[in-house]
């Protein structure tokens, strides 16, 4: 007769590594309007206009604003999307997109 031993479920499951979150940070400049920022945040992140306005105001007054906190891979994607969003059509001197950086969320 053979005895079979079963391990508790939690011992047999592989533990997943949780990756640390990253912030996507939008940096201020003088070449993009509030309307541009609100539209970009709505398009790329799904932020409602009210939140977009609050973030536009914060980046304008403080020089930077966290627009998302997510995985590193997704943060890098969102950073690239911000950089590729294009110039503000309301400001003739505007030649390109806004700038964003990512950093670990602490």
N, C-alpha and C. Protein backbone atom coordinates (compact mmCIF):
# COMPACT_ATOMS: atom_id res chain seq x y z
N UNK A 1 0.84 -1.16 0.00
CA UNK A 1 0.00 0.00 0.00
C UNK A 1 0.89 1.24 0.00
N UNK A 2 0.57 2.18 -0.88
CA UNK A 2 1.36 3.41 -0.94
C UNK A 2 0.54 4.57 -0.41
N UNK A 3 1.21 5.38 0.32
CA UNK A 3 0.56 6.59 0.85
C UNK A 3 0.84 7.75 -0.10
N UNK A 4 -0.17 8.49 -0.43
CA UNK A 4 0.04 9.70 -1.23
C UNK A 4 -0.17 10.91 -0.34
N UNK A 5 0.72 11.83 -0.54
CA UNK A 5 0.64 13.04 0.27
C UNK A 5 0.37 14.23 -0.67
N UNK A 6 -0.62 15.00 -0.36
CA UNK A 6 -0.92 16.18 -1.18
C UNK A 6 -0.48 17.42 -0.42
N UNK A 7 0.09 18.32 -1.16
CA UNK A 7 0.54 19.57 -0.57
C UNK A 7 -0.60 20.58 -0.56
N UNK A 8 -0.63 21.42 0.42
CA UNK A 8 -1.66 22.47 0.40
C UNK A 8 -1.54 23.30 -0.88
N UNK A 9 -2.67 23.79 -1.32
CA UNK A 9 -2.73 24.52 -2.59
C UNK A 9 -1.74 25.66 -2.65
N UNK A 10 -1.56 26.39 -1.55
CA UNK A 10 -0.68 27.54 -1.59
C UNK A 10 0.79 27.16 -1.77
N UNK A 11 1.14 25.94 -1.44
CA UNK A 11 2.53 25.51 -1.63
C UNK A 11 2.78 25.08 -3.07
N UNK A 12 1.77 24.63 -3.76
CA UNK A 12 1.96 24.15 -5.12
C UNK A 12 1.87 25.27 -6.16
N UNK A 13 1.22 26.37 -5.80
CA UNK A 13 1.13 27.49 -6.74
C UNK A 13 2.46 28.21 -6.80
N UNK A 14 2.81 28.63 -7.98
CA UNK A 14 4.03 29.43 -8.12
C UNK A 14 3.72 30.85 -7.67
N UNK A 15 4.63 31.40 -6.91
CA UNK A 15 4.44 32.78 -6.47
C UNK A 15 4.82 33.71 -7.61
N UNK A 16 3.98 34.69 -7.85
CA UNK A 16 4.24 35.67 -8.89
C UNK A 16 5.07 36.81 -8.30
N UNK A 17 5.99 37.28 -9.10
CA UNK A 17 6.75 38.45 -8.69
C UNK A 17 5.94 39.69 -9.04
N UNK A 18 5.79 40.53 -8.07
CA UNK A 18 5.07 41.78 -8.30
C UNK A 18 6.10 42.84 -8.66
N UNK A 19 5.91 43.43 -9.82
CA UNK A 19 6.84 44.45 -10.26
C UNK A 19 6.48 45.78 -9.60
N UNK A 20 7.49 46.54 -9.22
CA UNK A 20 7.21 47.82 -8.58
C UNK A 20 6.53 48.79 -9.55
N UNK A 21 5.64 49.63 -9.05
CA UNK A 21 4.96 50.59 -9.92
C UNK A 21 5.86 51.77 -10.30
N UNK A 22 5.52 52.38 -11.42
CA UNK A 22 6.24 53.56 -11.92
C UNK A 22 5.25 54.69 -12.17
N UNK A 23 5.72 55.92 -11.92
CA UNK A 23 4.93 57.11 -12.23
C UNK A 23 5.26 57.59 -13.64
N UNK A 24 4.25 58.03 -14.35
CA UNK A 24 4.43 58.76 -15.61
C UNK A 24 4.24 60.23 -15.24
N UNK A 25 5.28 61.03 -15.48
CA UNK A 25 5.27 62.42 -15.04
C UNK A 25 5.33 63.33 -16.26
N UNK A 26 4.32 64.18 -16.38
CA UNK A 26 4.26 65.16 -17.45
C UNK A 26 4.97 66.42 -16.99
N UNK A 27 5.85 66.96 -17.84
CA UNK A 27 6.62 68.16 -17.50
C UNK A 27 6.05 69.37 -18.22
N UNK A 28 6.12 70.51 -17.56
CA UNK A 28 5.55 71.74 -18.09
C UNK A 28 6.43 72.35 -19.18
N UNK A 29 5.78 73.06 -20.08
CA UNK A 29 6.46 73.93 -21.03
C UNK A 29 5.50 75.05 -21.39
N UNK A 30 5.97 76.02 -22.12
CA UNK A 30 5.12 77.15 -22.48
C UNK A 30 4.54 77.04 -23.88
N UNK A 31 4.69 75.89 -24.50
CA UNK A 31 4.25 75.72 -25.88
C UNK A 31 2.99 74.88 -26.06
N UNK A 32 2.29 74.60 -24.97
CA UNK A 32 1.07 73.79 -25.06
C UNK A 32 -0.03 74.40 -24.19
N UNK A 33 -1.23 74.46 -24.75
CA UNK A 33 -2.36 75.06 -24.05
C UNK A 33 -3.02 74.07 -23.09
N UNK A 34 -3.82 74.60 -22.19
CA UNK A 34 -4.60 73.75 -21.29
C UNK A 34 -5.47 72.80 -22.09
N UNK A 35 -6.08 73.30 -23.18
CA UNK A 35 -6.94 72.45 -24.00
C UNK A 35 -6.17 71.27 -24.57
N UNK A 36 -4.94 71.51 -25.01
CA UNK A 36 -4.10 70.44 -25.53
C UNK A 36 -3.85 69.39 -24.46
N UNK A 37 -3.45 69.84 -23.26
CA UNK A 37 -3.13 68.91 -22.16
C UNK A 37 -4.36 68.09 -21.79
N UNK A 38 -5.49 68.76 -21.65
CA UNK A 38 -6.73 68.07 -21.29
C UNK A 38 -7.09 67.03 -22.35
N UNK A 39 -7.01 67.42 -23.61
CA UNK A 39 -7.33 66.50 -24.72
C UNK A 39 -6.36 65.31 -24.74
N UNK A 40 -5.07 65.57 -24.57
CA UNK A 40 -4.07 64.50 -24.58
C UNK A 40 -4.32 63.51 -23.43
N UNK A 41 -4.58 64.03 -22.23
CA UNK A 41 -4.80 63.15 -21.08
C UNK A 41 -6.08 62.34 -21.25
N UNK A 42 -7.07 62.93 -21.85
CA UNK A 42 -8.32 62.21 -22.11
C UNK A 42 -8.09 61.12 -23.16
N UNK A 43 -7.36 61.44 -24.20
CA UNK A 43 -7.11 60.49 -25.29
C UNK A 43 -6.21 59.34 -24.86
N UNK A 44 -5.10 59.67 -24.21
CA UNK A 44 -4.10 58.64 -23.88
C UNK A 44 -4.39 57.87 -22.60
N UNK A 45 -5.03 58.53 -21.63
CA UNK A 45 -5.21 57.91 -20.32
C UNK A 45 -6.67 57.69 -19.94
N UNK A 46 -7.58 58.28 -20.71
CA UNK A 46 -8.99 58.15 -20.39
C UNK A 46 -9.43 59.02 -19.23
N UNK A 47 -8.61 60.03 -18.87
CA UNK A 47 -8.97 60.93 -17.77
C UNK A 47 -10.14 61.81 -18.19
N UNK A 48 -11.13 61.99 -17.30
CA UNK A 48 -12.23 62.90 -17.63
C UNK A 48 -11.71 64.34 -17.70
N UNK A 49 -12.44 65.22 -18.40
CA UNK A 49 -11.99 66.60 -18.57
C UNK A 49 -11.67 67.32 -17.25
N UNK A 50 -12.46 67.06 -16.22
CA UNK A 50 -12.23 67.74 -14.93
C UNK A 50 -10.86 67.37 -14.36
N UNK A 51 -10.52 66.09 -14.40
CA UNK A 51 -9.22 65.64 -13.92
C UNK A 51 -8.12 66.17 -14.83
N UNK A 52 -8.37 66.17 -16.13
CA UNK A 52 -7.40 66.72 -17.08
C UNK A 52 -7.10 68.18 -16.77
N UNK A 53 -8.15 68.94 -16.44
CA UNK A 53 -7.94 70.35 -16.09
C UNK A 53 -7.11 70.48 -14.82
N UNK A 54 -7.42 69.68 -13.81
CA UNK A 54 -6.66 69.73 -12.55
C UNK A 54 -5.19 69.40 -12.81
N UNK A 55 -4.94 68.40 -13.65
CA UNK A 55 -3.55 68.03 -13.96
C UNK A 55 -2.87 69.11 -14.79
N UNK A 56 -3.59 69.70 -15.73
CA UNK A 56 -3.03 70.79 -16.54
C UNK A 56 -2.66 71.97 -15.64
N UNK A 57 -3.51 72.26 -14.67
CA UNK A 57 -3.23 73.36 -13.75
C UNK A 57 -2.01 73.04 -12.89
N UNK A 58 -1.93 71.80 -12.41
CA UNK A 58 -0.79 71.41 -11.58
C UNK A 58 0.52 71.46 -12.36
N UNK A 59 0.54 70.95 -13.59
CA UNK A 59 1.78 70.98 -14.36
C UNK A 59 2.16 72.43 -14.67
N UNK A 60 1.17 73.29 -14.86
CA UNK A 60 1.43 74.70 -15.15
C UNK A 60 2.01 75.42 -13.92
N UNK A 61 1.49 75.12 -12.74
CA UNK A 61 1.92 75.84 -11.54
C UNK A 61 3.10 75.20 -10.83
N UNK A 62 3.22 73.88 -10.92
CA UNK A 62 4.28 73.19 -10.19
C UNK A 62 5.40 72.66 -11.08
N UNK A 63 5.18 72.68 -12.40
CA UNK A 63 6.21 72.25 -13.33
C UNK A 63 6.17 70.78 -13.69
N UNK A 64 5.39 70.01 -12.96
CA UNK A 64 5.27 68.58 -13.25
C UNK A 64 4.02 68.04 -12.56
N UNK A 65 3.51 66.94 -13.12
CA UNK A 65 2.35 66.29 -12.53
C UNK A 65 2.40 64.80 -12.86
N UNK A 66 2.04 63.98 -11.89
CA UNK A 66 1.93 62.54 -12.12
C UNK A 66 0.61 62.29 -12.83
N UNK A 67 0.67 61.72 -14.03
CA UNK A 67 -0.55 61.47 -14.80
C UNK A 67 -0.99 60.02 -14.75
N UNK A 68 -0.10 59.13 -14.29
CA UNK A 68 -0.46 57.71 -14.15
C UNK A 68 0.59 57.02 -13.30
N UNK A 69 0.17 55.97 -12.64
CA UNK A 69 1.07 55.07 -11.91
C UNK A 69 0.71 53.67 -12.35
N UNK A 70 1.71 52.96 -12.89
CA UNK A 70 1.43 51.68 -13.52
C UNK A 70 2.72 50.85 -13.57
N UNK A 71 2.69 49.76 -14.29
CA UNK A 71 3.89 48.93 -14.44
C UNK A 71 4.92 49.68 -15.27
N UNK A 72 6.17 49.26 -15.17
CA UNK A 72 7.23 49.94 -15.92
C UNK A 72 6.97 49.86 -17.43
N UNK A 73 6.58 48.69 -17.90
CA UNK A 73 6.34 48.51 -19.33
C UNK A 73 5.24 49.45 -19.83
N UNK A 74 4.15 49.54 -19.10
CA UNK A 74 3.05 50.42 -19.50
C UNK A 74 3.44 51.89 -19.34
N UNK A 75 4.21 52.21 -18.32
CA UNK A 75 4.68 53.59 -18.12
C UNK A 75 5.54 54.02 -19.30
N UNK A 76 6.43 53.13 -19.77
CA UNK A 76 7.27 53.44 -20.92
C UNK A 76 6.42 53.65 -22.18
N UNK A 77 5.39 52.83 -22.34
CA UNK A 77 4.47 52.99 -23.48
C UNK A 77 3.77 54.34 -23.42
N UNK A 78 3.26 54.70 -22.26
CA UNK A 78 2.55 55.97 -22.12
C UNK A 78 3.48 57.16 -22.33
N UNK A 79 4.72 57.04 -21.87
CA UNK A 79 5.71 58.08 -22.10
C UNK A 79 5.93 58.27 -23.61
N UNK A 80 6.09 57.17 -24.32
CA UNK A 80 6.27 57.24 -25.77
C UNK A 80 5.05 57.86 -26.46
N UNK A 81 3.86 57.52 -25.98
CA UNK A 81 2.65 58.08 -26.58
C UNK A 81 2.56 59.59 -26.36
N UNK A 82 2.97 60.05 -25.18
CA UNK A 82 3.00 61.50 -24.92
C UNK A 82 3.98 62.16 -25.88
N UNK A 83 5.16 61.58 -26.03
CA UNK A 83 6.20 62.15 -26.90
C UNK A 83 5.77 62.15 -28.37
N UNK A 84 4.85 61.28 -28.74
CA UNK A 84 4.41 61.17 -30.13
C UNK A 84 3.07 61.87 -30.40
N UNK A 85 2.51 62.54 -29.40
CA UNK A 85 1.17 63.10 -29.54
C UNK A 85 1.11 64.25 -30.54
N UNK A 86 2.20 64.92 -30.73
CA UNK A 86 2.25 65.97 -31.75
C UNK A 86 2.12 67.36 -31.18
N UNK A 87 2.27 68.37 -32.04
CA UNK A 87 2.23 69.76 -31.60
C UNK A 87 0.81 70.22 -31.27
N UNK A 88 0.76 71.32 -30.55
CA UNK A 88 -0.51 71.95 -30.20
C UNK A 88 -0.96 72.84 -31.36
N UNK A 89 -2.07 72.51 -32.03
CA UNK A 89 -2.50 73.31 -33.19
C UNK A 89 -2.95 74.72 -32.81
N UNK A 90 -3.21 74.97 -31.52
CA UNK A 90 -3.66 76.30 -31.10
C UNK A 90 -2.51 77.28 -30.87
N UNK A 91 -1.28 76.77 -30.83
CA UNK A 91 -0.12 77.63 -30.58
C UNK A 91 0.84 77.50 -31.77
N UNK A 92 0.89 78.51 -32.64
CA UNK A 92 1.69 78.43 -33.86
C UNK A 92 3.18 78.12 -33.63
N UNK A 93 3.77 78.63 -32.55
CA UNK A 93 5.20 78.38 -32.31
C UNK A 93 5.49 76.96 -31.84
N UNK A 94 4.44 76.22 -31.48
CA UNK A 94 4.61 74.86 -30.98
C UNK A 94 5.06 73.95 -32.12
N UNK A 95 6.17 73.26 -31.90
CA UNK A 95 6.74 72.40 -32.95
C UNK A 95 6.68 70.91 -32.63
N UNK A 96 6.29 70.56 -31.41
CA UNK A 96 6.28 69.14 -31.07
C UNK A 96 5.46 68.83 -29.84
N UNK A 97 5.59 67.62 -29.40
CA UNK A 97 4.82 67.11 -28.26
C UNK A 97 5.39 67.61 -26.94
N UNK A 98 4.65 67.34 -25.89
CA UNK A 98 5.14 67.61 -24.54
C UNK A 98 6.15 66.54 -24.16
N UNK A 99 6.82 66.76 -23.04
CA UNK A 99 7.83 65.82 -22.58
C UNK A 99 7.35 65.17 -21.28
N UNK A 100 7.64 63.88 -21.15
CA UNK A 100 7.29 63.14 -19.93
C UNK A 100 8.47 62.28 -19.54
N UNK A 101 8.53 61.97 -18.26
CA UNK A 101 9.55 61.04 -17.76
C UNK A 101 8.87 60.03 -16.88
N UNK A 102 9.57 58.95 -16.61
CA UNK A 102 9.04 57.95 -15.68
C UNK A 102 10.03 57.80 -14.54
N UNK A 103 9.49 57.44 -13.38
CA UNK A 103 10.34 57.18 -12.22
C UNK A 103 9.62 56.19 -11.31
N UNK A 104 10.40 55.44 -10.54
CA UNK A 104 9.77 54.47 -9.64
C UNK A 104 8.85 55.18 -8.64
N UNK A 105 7.70 54.60 -8.40
CA UNK A 105 6.80 55.11 -7.37
C UNK A 105 7.32 54.62 -6.03
N UNK A 106 7.52 55.50 -5.11
CA UNK A 106 8.11 55.09 -3.84
C UNK A 106 7.10 54.86 -2.77
